[in-house]
Amino acid sequence: MNPYIVWYHSYLFAVLYKIFVIGHLCVLGVVLAQFISLFVHVYSTV
């Protein structure tokens, strides 16, 4: 096994993992913002 290929695969995995985590954080943030705005809307009408 070529060490360069192993390094490349680990680098690629790290990049994909970062994209995966950042994507999940963005989705979570959007969902949280929607939930907070909905909660504020309901709370202000009550």
PDB file of N, CA and C in Angstrom:
ATOM      1  N   MET A   1       0.855  -1.196   0.000  1.00  0.00           N
ATOM      2  CA  MET A   1       0.000   0.000   0.000  1.00  0.00           C
ATOM      3  C   MET A   1       0.890   1.246   0.000  1.00  0.00           C
ATOM      4  N   ASN A   2       0.584   2.139  -0.891  1.00  0.00           N
ATOM      5  CA  ASN A   2       1.385   3.357  -1.021  1.00  0.00           C
ATOM      6  C   ASN A   2       1.043   4.327   0.115  1.00  0.00           C
ATOM      7  N   PRO A   3       2.047   4.825   0.835  1.00  0.00           N
ATOM      8  CA  PRO A   3       1.769   5.779   1.930  1.00  0.00           C
ATOM      9  C   PRO A   3       1.069   7.042   1.437  1.00  0.00           C
ATOM     10  N   TYR A   4       1.388   7.455   0.199  1.00  0.00           N
ATOM     11  CA  TYR A   4       0.764   8.657  -0.350  1.00  0.00           C
ATOM     12  C   TYR A   4      -0.743   8.445  -0.522  1.00  0.00           C
ATOM     13  N   ILE A   5      -1.116   7.245  -0.977  1.00  0.00           N
ATOM     14  CA  ILE A   5      -2.535   6.944  -1.179  1.00  0.00           C
ATOM     15  C   ILE A   5      -3.261   6.891   0.168  1.00  0.00           C
ATOM     16  N   VAL A   6      -2.589   6.328   1.178  1.00  0.00           N
ATOM     17  CA  VAL A   6      -3.172   6.280   2.520  1.00  0.00           C
ATOM     18  C   VAL A   6      -3.380   7.694   3.053  1.00  0.00           C
ATOM     19  N   TRP A   7      -2.371   8.558   2.854  1.00  0.00           N
ATOM     20  CA  TRP A   7      -2.465   9.948   3.307  1.00  0.00           C
ATOM     21  C   TRP A   7      -3.587  10.667   2.572  1.00  0.00           C
ATOM     22  N   TYR A   8      -3.683  10.412   1.256  1.00  0.00           N
ATOM     23  CA  TYR A   8      -4.719  11.054   0.449  1.00  0.00           C
ATOM     24  C   TYR A   8      -6.108  10.629   0.922  1.00  0.00           C
ATOM     25  N   HIS A   9      -6.269   9.341   1.201  1.00  0.00           N
ATOM     26  CA  HIS A   9      -7.563   8.855   1.659  1.00  0.00           C
ATOM     27  C   HIS A   9      -7.928   9.430   3.025  1.00  0.00           C
ATOM     28  N   SER A  10      -6.958   9.526   3.915  1.00  0.00           N
ATOM     29  CA  SER A  10      -7.238  10.092   5.237  1.00  0.00           C
ATOM     30  C   SER A  10      -7.586  11.579   5.124  1.00  0.00           C
ATOM     31  N   TYR A  11      -6.890  12.279   4.208  1.00  0.00           N
ATOM     32  CA  TYR A  11      -7.181  13.701   3.989  1.00  0.00           C
ATOM     33  C   TYR A  11      -8.587  13.870   3.415  1.00  0.00           C
ATOM     34  N   LEU A  12      -8.914  13.027   2.443  1.00  0.00           N
ATOM     35  CA  LEU A  12     -10.231  13.082   1.809  1.00  0.00           C
ATOM     36  C   LEU A  12     -11.326  12.786   2.836  1.00  0.00           C
ATOM     37  N   PHE A  13     -11.068  11.801   3.702  1.00  0.00           N
ATOM     38  CA  PHE A  13     -12.027  11.448   4.741  1.00  0.00           C
ATOM     39  C   PHE A  13     -12.225  12.607   5.713  1.00  0.00           C
ATOM     40  N   ALA A  14     -11.129  13.282   6.063  1.00  0.00           N
ATOM     41  CA  ALA A  14     -11.218  14.417   6.983  1.00  0.00           C
ATOM     42  C   ALA A  14     -12.039  15.548   6.367  1.00  0.00           C
ATOM     43  N   VAL A  15     -11.826  15.816   5.084  1.00  0.00           N
ATOM     44  CA  VAL A  15     -12.575  16.875   4.394  1.00  0.00           C
ATOM     45  C   VAL A  15     -14.063  16.517   4.318  1.00  0.00           C
ATOM     46  N   LEU A  16     -14.350  15.265   3.963  1.00  0.00           N
ATOM     47  CA  LEU A  16     -15.742  14.832   3.886  1.00  0.00           C
ATOM     48  C   LEU A  16     -16.414  14.881   5.253  1.00  0.00           C
ATOM     49  N   TYR A  17     -15.655  14.524   6.279  1.00  0.00           N
ATOM     50  CA  TYR A  17     -16.200  14.550   7.637  1.00  0.00           C
ATOM     51  C   TYR A  17     -16.519  15.977   8.068  1.00  0.00           C
ATOM     52  N   LYS A  18     -15.625  16.919   7.712  1.00  0.00           N
ATOM     53  CA  LYS A  18     -15.869  18.325   8.044  1.00  0.00           C
ATOM     54  C   LYS A  18     -17.100  18.851   7.313  1.00  0.00           C
ATOM     55  N   ILE A  19     -17.223  18.499   6.035  1.00  0.00           N
ATOM     56  CA  ILE A  19     -18.387  18.935   5.260  1.00  0.00           C
ATOM     57  C   ILE A  19     -19.671  18.356   5.868  1.00  0.00           C
ATOM     58  N   PHE A  20     -19.599  17.077   6.269  1.00  0.00           N
ATOM     59  CA  PHE A  20     -20.733  16.394   6.876  1.00  0.00           C
ATOM     60  C   PHE A  20     -21.160  17.083   8.173  1.00  0.00           C
ATOM     61  N   VAL A  21     -20.186  17.376   9.027  1.00  0.00           N
ATOM     62  CA  VAL A  21     -20.474  18.014  10.321  1.00  0.00           C
ATOM     63  C   VAL A  21     -21.007  19.429  10.131  1.00  0.00           C
ATOM     64  N   ILE A  22     -20.367  20.209   9.230  1.00  0.00           N
ATOM     65  CA  ILE A  22     -20.803  21.585   8.991  1.00  0.00           C
ATOM     66  C   ILE A  22     -22.216  21.604   8.399  1.00  0.00           C
ATOM     67  N   GLY A  23     -22.485  20.664   7.497  1.00  0.00           N
ATOM     68  CA  GLY A  23     -23.811  20.568   6.905  1.00  0.00           C
ATOM     69  C   GLY A  23     -24.874  20.272   7.952  1.00  0.00           C
ATOM     70  N   HIS A  24     -24.558  19.337   8.860  1.00  0.00           N
ATOM     71  CA  HIS A  24     -25.505  19.011   9.918  1.00  0.00           C
ATOM     72  C   HIS A  24     -25.716  20.190  10.858  1.00  0.00           C
ATOM     73  N   LEU A  25     -24.643  20.927  11.153  1.00  0.00           N
ATOM     74  CA  LEU A  25     -24.767  22.097  12.025  1.00  0.00           C
ATOM     75  C   LEU A  25     -25.622  23.170  11.364  1.00  0.00           C
ATOM     76  N   CYS A  26     -25.458  23.352  10.050  1.00  0.00           N
ATOM     77  CA  CYS A  26     -26.261  24.349   9.334  1.00  0.00           C
ATOM     78  C   CYS A  26     -27.740  23.963   9.359  1.00  0.00           C
ATOM     79  N   VAL A  27     -28.021  22.691   9.098  1.00  0.00           N
ATOM     80  CA  VAL A  27     -29.406  22.213   9.112  1.00  0.00           C
ATOM     81  C   VAL A  27     -30.002  22.363  10.506  1.00  0.00           C
ATOM     82  N   LEU A  28     -29.210  22.009  11.519  1.00  0.00           N
ATOM     83  CA  LEU A  28     -29.672  22.119  12.901  1.00  0.00           C
ATOM     84  C   LEU A  28     -29.951  23.577  13.261  1.00  0.00           C
ATOM     85  N   GLY A  29     -29.090  24.479  12.798  1.00  0.00           N
ATOM     86  CA  GLY A  29     -29.274  25.902  13.064  1.00  0.00           C
ATOM     87  C   GLY A  29     -30.529  26.444  12.403  1.00  0.00           C
ATOM     88  N   VAL A  30     -30.778  26.012  11.172  1.00  0.00           N
ATOM     89  CA  VAL A  30     -31.976  26.460  10.453  1.00  0.00           C
ATOM     90  C   VAL A  30     -33.240  25.942  11.144  1.00  0.00           C
ATOM     91  N   VAL A  31     -33.219  24.675  11.526  1.00  0.00           N
ATOM     92  CA  VAL A  31     -34.371  24.087  12.214  1.00  0.00           C
ATOM     93  C   VAL A  31     -34.608  24.782  13.553  1.00  0.00           C
ATOM     94  N   LEU A  32     -33.521  25.050  14.262  1.00  0.00           N
ATOM     95  CA  LEU A  32     -33.626  25.729  15.553  1.00  0.00           C
ATOM     96  C   LEU A  32     -34.186  27.146  15.379  1.00  0.00           C
ATOM     97  N   ALA A  33     -33.745  27.843  14.335  1.00  0.00           N
ATOM     98  CA  ALA A  33     -34.231  29.198  14.073  1.00  0.00           C
ATOM     99  C   ALA A  33     -35.723  29.177  13.725  1.00  0.00           C
ATOM    100  N   GLN A  34     -36.133  28.194  12.937  1.00  0.00           N
ATOM    101  CA  GLN A  34     -37.552  28.061  12.592  1.00  0.00           C
ATOM    102  C   GLN A  34     -38.385  27.792  13.845  1.00  0.00           C
ATOM    103  N   PHE A  35     -37.866  26.906  14.700  1.00  0.00           N
ATOM    104  CA  PHE A  35     -38.571  26.556  15.928  1.00  0.00           C
ATOM    105  C   PHE A  35     -38.684  27.758  16.859  1.00  0.00           C
ATOM    106  N   ILE A  36     -37.605  28.521  16.974  1.00  0.00           N
ATOM    107  CA  ILE A  36     -37.609  29.705  17.842  1.00  0.00           C
ATOM    108  C   ILE A  36     -38.577  30.763  17.304  1.00  0.00           C
ATOM    109  N   SER A  37     -38.574  30.972  15.984  1.00  0.00           N
ATOM    110  CA  SER A  37     -39.478  31.971  15.411  1.00  0.00           C
ATOM    111  C   SER A  37     -40.939  31.544  15.583  1.00  0.00           C
ATOM    112  N   LEU A  38     -41.192  30.238  15.435  1.00  0.00           N
ATOM    113  CA  LEU A  38     -42.543  29.721  15.638  1.00  0.00           C
ATOM    114  C   LEU A  38     -42.964  29.886  17.093  1.00  0.00           C
ATOM    115  N   PHE A  39     -42.036  29.589  18.013  1.00  0.00           N
ATOM    116  CA  PHE A  39     -42.314  29.722  19.442  1.00  0.00           C
ATOM    117  C   PHE A  39     -42.595  31.172  19.809  1.00  0.00           C
ATOM    118  N   VAL A  40     -41.804  32.090  19.258  1.00  0.00           N
ATOM    119  CA  VAL A  40     -42.000  33.520  19.522  1.00  0.00           C
ATOM    120  C   VAL A  40     -43.349  33.980  18.960  1.00  0.00           C
ATOM    121  N   HIS A  41     -43.693  33.472  17.771  1.00  0.00           N
ATOM    122  CA  HIS A  41     -44.967  33.838  17.151  1.00  0.00           C
ATOM    123  C   HIS A  41     -46.146  33.362  18.013  1.00  0.00           C
ATOM    124  N   VAL A  42     -46.086  32.119  18.467  1.00  0.00           N
ATOM    125  CA  VAL A  42     -47.150  31.564  19.311  1.00  0.00           C
ATOM    126  C   VAL A  42     -47.203  32.293  20.645  1.00  0.00           C
ATOM    127  N   TYR A  43     -46.028  32.576  21.201  1.00  0.00           N
ATOM    128  CA  TYR A  43     -45.962  33.229  22.511  1.00  0.00           C
ATOM    129  C   TYR A  43     -46.473  34.667  22.440  1.00  0.00           C
ATOM    130  N   SER A  44     -46.233  35.335  21.305  1.00  0.00           N
ATOM    131  CA  SER A  44     -46.663  36.732  21.177  1.00  0.00           C
ATOM    132  C   SER A  44     -48.174  36.824  20.930  1.00  0.00           C
ATOM    133  N   THR A  45     -48.762  35.794  20.324  1.00  0.00           N
ATOM    134  CA  THR A  45     -50.203  35.825  20.067  1.00  0.00           C
ATOM    135  C   THR A  45     -50.993  35.464  21.316  1.00  0.00           C
ATOM    136  N   VAL A  46     -50.394  34.725  22.236  1.00  0.00           N
ATOM    137  CA  VAL A  46     -51.099  34.298  23.452  1.00  0.00           C
ATOM    138  C   VAL A  46     -51.248  35.445  24.426  1.00  0.00           C
TER     139      VAL A  46
END
